[in-house]
């Protein structure tokens, strides 16, 4: 059996690939289910003015992305397109000019943009988690297929002697 010692290594590699693949698929699926469950528990509905999936319950990557985009649109509308940093500068300018009423209004807009940013970041984190879950599941499937191929190849191993040349290689 000295000529087929490589088949044991191939078989072990195949078994390890199979086990790793199963672990990847289970872990990816569990993460997908957990993220879906947590999003669903928040009882978020995609706004009616969303460009897609309007009215859909947020419990998946596409609905989470759609709601994140709507939040950005609403925050931008509420602040005339100004960013958190721009509003901070305007608040300071209004305070320096002594216009506390304008400063308070701008600070309220700044708070709106900040909250929108936090909500969008949370929803985008969910979208990324879905992507990573899908990637892990896909890699798990590939590892399972690789494991199956390796274990089948190990059963069909050809002795090493069959590949030895009968005469030394020629050098030019």
Protein backbone atom coordinates (compact mmCIF):
# COMPACT_ATOMS: atom_id res chain seq x y z
CA UNK A 1 0.00 0.00 0.00
CA UNK A 2 3.04 2.31 -0.06
CA UNK A 3 2.08 3.43 -3.55
CA UNK A 4 -1.39 4.66 -2.53
CA UNK A 5 -0.48 6.58 0.65
CA UNK A 6 -1.66 9.81 -0.97
CA UNK A 7 -5.21 8.49 -1.12
CA UNK A 8 -5.46 8.57 2.69
CA UNK A 9 -4.46 12.25 2.71
CA UNK A 10 -6.98 13.01 -0.05
CA UNK A 11 -9.70 11.16 1.86
CA UNK A 12 -8.91 13.09 5.08
CA UNK A 13 -8.90 16.39 3.15
CA UNK A 14 -12.27 15.42 1.68
CA UNK A 15 -13.77 14.61 5.06
CA UNK A 16 -12.45 17.87 6.54
CA UNK A 17 -13.90 19.79 3.58
CA UNK A 18 -17.27 18.08 4.03
CA UNK A 19 -17.39 18.90 7.74
CA UNK A 20 -16.26 22.50 7.19
CA UNK A 21 -18.82 22.91 4.41
CA UNK A 22 -21.64 21.68 6.61
CA UNK A 23 -20.54 24.02 9.42
CA UNK A 24 -20.41 26.96 6.97
CA UNK A 25 -23.88 26.26 5.58
CA UNK A 26 -25.39 25.90 9.06
CA UNK A 27 -23.63 29.03 10.38
CA UNK A 28 -24.62 31.10 7.35
CA UNK A 29 -28.24 29.95 7.51
CA UNK A 30 -28.40 30.56 11.26
CA UNK A 31 -27.06 34.09 10.80
CA UNK A 32 -29.56 34.78 8.02
CA UNK A 33 -32.44 33.58 10.21
CA UNK A 34 -31.20 35.57 13.22
CA UNK A 35 -30.89 38.82 11.27
CA UNK A 36 -34.32 38.27 9.69
CA UNK A 37 -35.85 37.58 13.07
CA UNK A 38 -34.30 40.67 14.66
CA UNK A 39 -35.36 42.92 11.79
CA UNK A 40 -38.86 41.50 11.82
CA UNK A 41 -39.15 42.06 15.57
CA UNK A 42 -38.66 45.80 14.99
CA UNK A 43 -41.94 45.88 13.00
CA UNK A 44 -40.56 48.26 10.38
CA UNK A 45 -42.51 48.82 7.18
CA UNK A 46 -40.93 50.28 4.06
CA UNK A 47 -42.35 53.77 3.57
CA UNK A 48 -45.05 54.23 0.96
CA UNK A 49 -42.88 56.66 -1.02
CA UNK A 50 -40.02 54.19 -1.41
CA UNK A 51 -38.79 53.66 -4.97
CA UNK A 52 -39.28 49.90 -4.51
CA UNK A 53 -40.89 47.50 -2.01
CA UNK A 54 -43.15 50.22 -0.63
CA UNK A 55 -45.34 48.85 2.16
CA UNK A 56 -43.23 45.70 2.54
CA UNK A 57 -42.36 44.42 6.02
CA UNK A 58 -38.61 44.91 6.66
CA UNK A 59 -37.34 41.38 7.22
CA UNK A 60 -34.80 40.86 4.45
CA UNK A 61 -31.88 42.50 2.68
CA UNK A 62 -33.86 44.21 -0.07
CA UNK A 63 -36.52 45.69 2.20
CA UNK A 64 -33.82 46.86 4.66
CA UNK A 65 -31.96 48.56 1.81
CA UNK A 66 -35.17 50.15 0.49
CA UNK A 67 -36.02 51.60 3.90
CA UNK A 68 -32.47 52.90 4.39
CA UNK A 69 -32.75 54.77 1.10
CA UNK A 70 -36.11 56.27 2.07
CA UNK A 71 -34.71 57.43 5.41
CA UNK A 72 -31.91 59.21 3.56
CA UNK A 73 -34.42 60.80 1.19
CA UNK A 74 -36.59 62.05 4.08
CA UNK A 75 -33.63 63.41 6.04
CA UNK A 76 -32.34 65.19 2.96
CA UNK A 77 -35.76 66.71 2.32
CA UNK A 78 -36.07 67.87 5.95
CA UNK A 79 -32.72 69.66 5.83
CA UNK A 80 -32.80 70.96 2.26
CA UNK A 81 -30.01 68.53 1.40
CA UNK A 82 -27.61 69.78 4.07
CA UNK A 83 -25.35 67.32 5.85
CA UNK A 84 -24.72 66.90 9.57
CA UNK A 85 -21.38 68.72 9.28
CA UNK A 86 -22.85 71.57 7.22
CA UNK A 87 -25.66 72.03 9.76
CA UNK A 88 -23.10 72.14 12.58
CA UNK A 89 -21.33 75.03 10.88
CA UNK A 90 -24.64 76.83 10.32
CA UNK A 91 -25.59 76.35 14.00
CA UNK A 92 -22.30 77.96 15.07
CA UNK A 93 -22.79 80.83 12.62
CA UNK A 94 -26.33 81.45 13.89
CA UNK A 95 -25.14 81.39 17.51
CA UNK A 96 -22.29 83.79 16.68
CA UNK A 97 -24.80 86.12 15.05
CA UNK A 98 -26.99 85.93 18.16
CA UNK A 99 -29.91 84.28 16.34
CA UNK A 100 -30.77 81.59 18.91
CA UNK A 101 -34.09 80.76 17.26
CA UNK A 102 -32.39 79.89 13.96
CA UNK A 103 -29.65 78.04 15.85
CA UNK A 104 -32.28 75.92 17.63
CA UNK A 105 -34.08 75.17 14.36
CA UNK A 106 -30.81 74.17 12.66
CA UNK A 107 -29.82 72.05 15.67
CA UNK A 108 -33.16 70.22 15.43
CA UNK A 109 -32.44 69.53 11.75
CA UNK A 110 -28.95 68.36 12.69
CA UNK A 111 -30.44 65.95 15.24
CA UNK A 112 -32.79 64.62 12.54
CA UNK A 113 -29.86 63.99 10.19
CA UNK A 114 -27.91 62.29 13.00
CA UNK A 115 -30.80 59.97 13.87
CA UNK A 116 -31.34 59.19 10.19
CA UNK A 117 -27.67 58.36 9.85
CA UNK A 118 -27.83 55.97 12.81
CA UNK A 119 -30.93 54.25 11.43
CA UNK A 120 -29.41 53.93 7.97
CA UNK A 121 -26.19 52.51 9.42
CA UNK A 122 -28.16 49.91 11.35
CA UNK A 123 -30.15 48.88 8.30
CA UNK A 124 -27.02 48.76 6.14
CA UNK A 125 -25.34 46.60 8.79
CA UNK A 126 -28.22 44.17 8.32
CA UNK A 127 -27.75 44.26 4.55
CA UNK A 128 -24.04 43.49 4.98
CA UNK A 129 -24.85 40.66 7.42
CA UNK A 130 -27.15 39.14 4.80
CA UNK A 131 -24.38 39.40 2.21
CA UNK A 132 -21.85 37.73 4.49
CA UNK A 133 -24.38 35.01 5.34
CA UNK A 134 -24.98 34.32 1.65
CA UNK A 135 -21.23 34.24 1.04
CA UNK A 136 -20.66 31.78 3.88
CA UNK A 137 -23.48 29.54 2.66
CA UNK A 138 -22.05 29.61 -0.86
CA UNK A 139 -18.57 28.78 0.39
CA UNK A 140 -20.05 25.96 2.45
CA UNK A 141 -21.69 24.47 -0.62
CA UNK A 142 -18.40 24.69 -2.50
CA UNK A 143 -16.56 23.00 0.38
CA UNK A 144 -19.15 20.23 0.46
CA UNK A 145 -18.76 19.66 -3.29
CA UNK A 146 -14.99 19.69 -2.91
CA UNK A 147 -15.22 17.21 -0.04
CA UNK A 148 -17.40 14.88 -2.10
CA UNK A 149 -14.96 15.09 -5.01
CA UNK A 150 -11.94 14.43 -2.79
CA UNK A 151 -13.49 11.44 -1.03
CA UNK A 152 -14.52 9.93 -4.38
CA UNK A 153 -11.06 10.52 -5.80
CA UNK A 154 -9.48 8.89 -2.76
CA UNK A 155 -11.46 5.73 -3.45
CA UNK A 156 -10.15 5.64 -7.01
CA UNK A 157 -6.51 6.36 -6.29
CA UNK A 158 -4.06 4.93 -8.76
CA UNK A 159 -0.80 3.59 -7.34
CA UNK A 160 2.11 6.00 -7.59
CA UNK A 161 4.14 3.44 -9.49
CA UNK A 162 1.81 3.83 -12.45
CA UNK A 163 3.08 7.39 -12.95
CA UNK A 164 6.80 6.67 -12.78
CA UNK A 165 8.53 7.09 -16.11
CA UNK A 166 10.25 4.01 -17.48
CA UNK A 167 13.30 5.94 -18.62
CA UNK A 168 14.95 9.12 -17.30
CA UNK A 169 13.75 12.42 -18.77
CA UNK A 170 15.72 13.66 -21.75
CA UNK A 171 17.57 16.92 -21.48
CA UNK A 172 18.09 19.01 -24.61
